[in-house]
């Protein structure tokens, strides 16, 4: 039964595993995005010409 669940997926993940991976990937991406926006803002305040 597990083989039939995974047979349609190129990644080899089940639908539930793929959704869980997507959730954590998006959380990590958003944390990274917020961190880079804060860093860019701080550099802009420090040296607006940079």
C-alpha atoms as a PDB file:
ATOM      1  CA  UNK A   1       0.000   0.000   0.000  1.00  0.00           C
ATOM      2  CA  UNK A   2       2.824   2.429   0.777  1.00  0.00           C
ATOM      3  CA  UNK A   3       4.276   1.817  -2.697  1.00  0.00           C
ATOM      4  CA  UNK A   4       1.016   2.799  -4.382  1.00  0.00           C
ATOM      5  CA  UNK A   5       0.884   6.056  -2.377  1.00  0.00           C
ATOM      6  CA  UNK A   6       4.377   7.086  -3.451  1.00  0.00           C
ATOM      7  CA  UNK A   7       4.178   5.939  -7.062  1.00  0.00           C
ATOM      8  CA  UNK A   8       2.579   9.155  -8.390  1.00  0.00           C
ATOM      9  CA  UNK A   9       5.091  11.530  -6.807  1.00  0.00           C
ATOM     10  CA  UNK A  10       8.353  12.573  -8.431  1.00  0.00           C
ATOM     11  CA  UNK A  11       9.857  13.468  -5.042  1.00  0.00           C
ATOM     12  CA  UNK A  12       8.918  10.175  -3.424  1.00  0.00           C
ATOM     13  CA  UNK A  13       6.953  11.968  -0.691  1.00  0.00           C
ATOM     14  CA  UNK A  14       3.366  11.289   0.201  1.00  0.00           C
ATOM     15  CA  UNK A  15       0.878  14.152  -0.001  1.00  0.00           C
ATOM     16  CA  UNK A  16       0.987  14.666   3.772  1.00  0.00           C
ATOM     17  CA  UNK A  17       4.805  14.623   3.859  1.00  0.00           C
ATOM     18  CA  UNK A  18       4.950  17.104   0.994  1.00  0.00           C
ATOM     19  CA  UNK A  19       2.550  19.472   2.759  1.00  0.00           C
ATOM     20  CA  UNK A  20       4.573  19.266   5.965  1.00  0.00           C
ATOM     21  CA  UNK A  21       7.805  19.945   4.089  1.00  0.00           C
ATOM     22  CA  UNK A  22       6.184  22.891   2.297  1.00  0.00           C
ATOM     23  CA  UNK A  23       4.986  24.341   5.608  1.00  0.00           C
ATOM     24  CA  UNK A  24       8.476  24.256   7.160  1.00  0.00           C
ATOM     25  CA  UNK A  25      10.130  25.472   3.963  1.00  0.00           C
ATOM     26  CA  UNK A  26       7.816  28.485   3.778  1.00  0.00           C
ATOM     27  CA  UNK A  27       8.362  29.285   7.464  1.00  0.00           C
ATOM     28  CA  UNK A  28      12.120  29.204   6.959  1.00  0.00           C
ATOM     29  CA  UNK A  29      11.835  31.374   3.848  1.00  0.00           C
ATOM     30  CA  UNK A  30       9.709  33.955   5.657  1.00  0.00           C
ATOM     31  CA  UNK A  31      12.132  34.084   8.618  1.00  0.00           C
ATOM     32  CA  UNK A  32      15.010  34.584   6.181  1.00  0.00           C
ATOM     33  CA  UNK A  33      13.082  37.281   4.318  1.00  0.00           C
ATOM     34  CA  UNK A  34      12.310  39.182   7.529  1.00  0.00           C
ATOM     35  CA  UNK A  35      15.941  38.917   8.631  1.00  0.00           C
ATOM     36  CA  UNK A  36      17.221  40.274   5.313  1.00  0.00           C
ATOM     37  CA  UNK A  37      14.712  43.141   5.367  1.00  0.00           C
ATOM     38  CA  UNK A  38      15.854  44.100   8.868  1.00  0.00           C
ATOM     39  CA  UNK A  39      19.509  43.900   7.824  1.00  0.00           C
ATOM     40  CA  UNK A  40      18.926  46.025   4.722  1.00  0.00           C
ATOM     41  CA  UNK A  41      17.011  48.608   6.747  1.00  0.00           C
ATOM     42  CA  UNK A  42      19.766  48.831   9.350  1.00  0.00           C
ATOM     43  CA  UNK A  43      22.430  49.265   6.671  1.00  0.00           C
ATOM     44  CA  UNK A  44      20.312  51.922   4.991  1.00  0.00           C
ATOM     45  CA  UNK A  45      20.032  53.846   8.288  1.00  0.00           C
ATOM     46  CA  UNK A  46      23.777  53.470   8.826  1.00  0.00           C
ATOM     47  CA  UNK A  47      24.877  54.484   5.318  1.00  0.00           C
ATOM     48  CA  UNK A  48      22.018  55.680   3.069  1.00  0.00           C
ATOM     49  CA  UNK A  49      24.340  55.867   0.059  1.00  0.00           C
ATOM     50  CA  UNK A  50      25.471  52.240   0.411  1.00  0.00           C
END
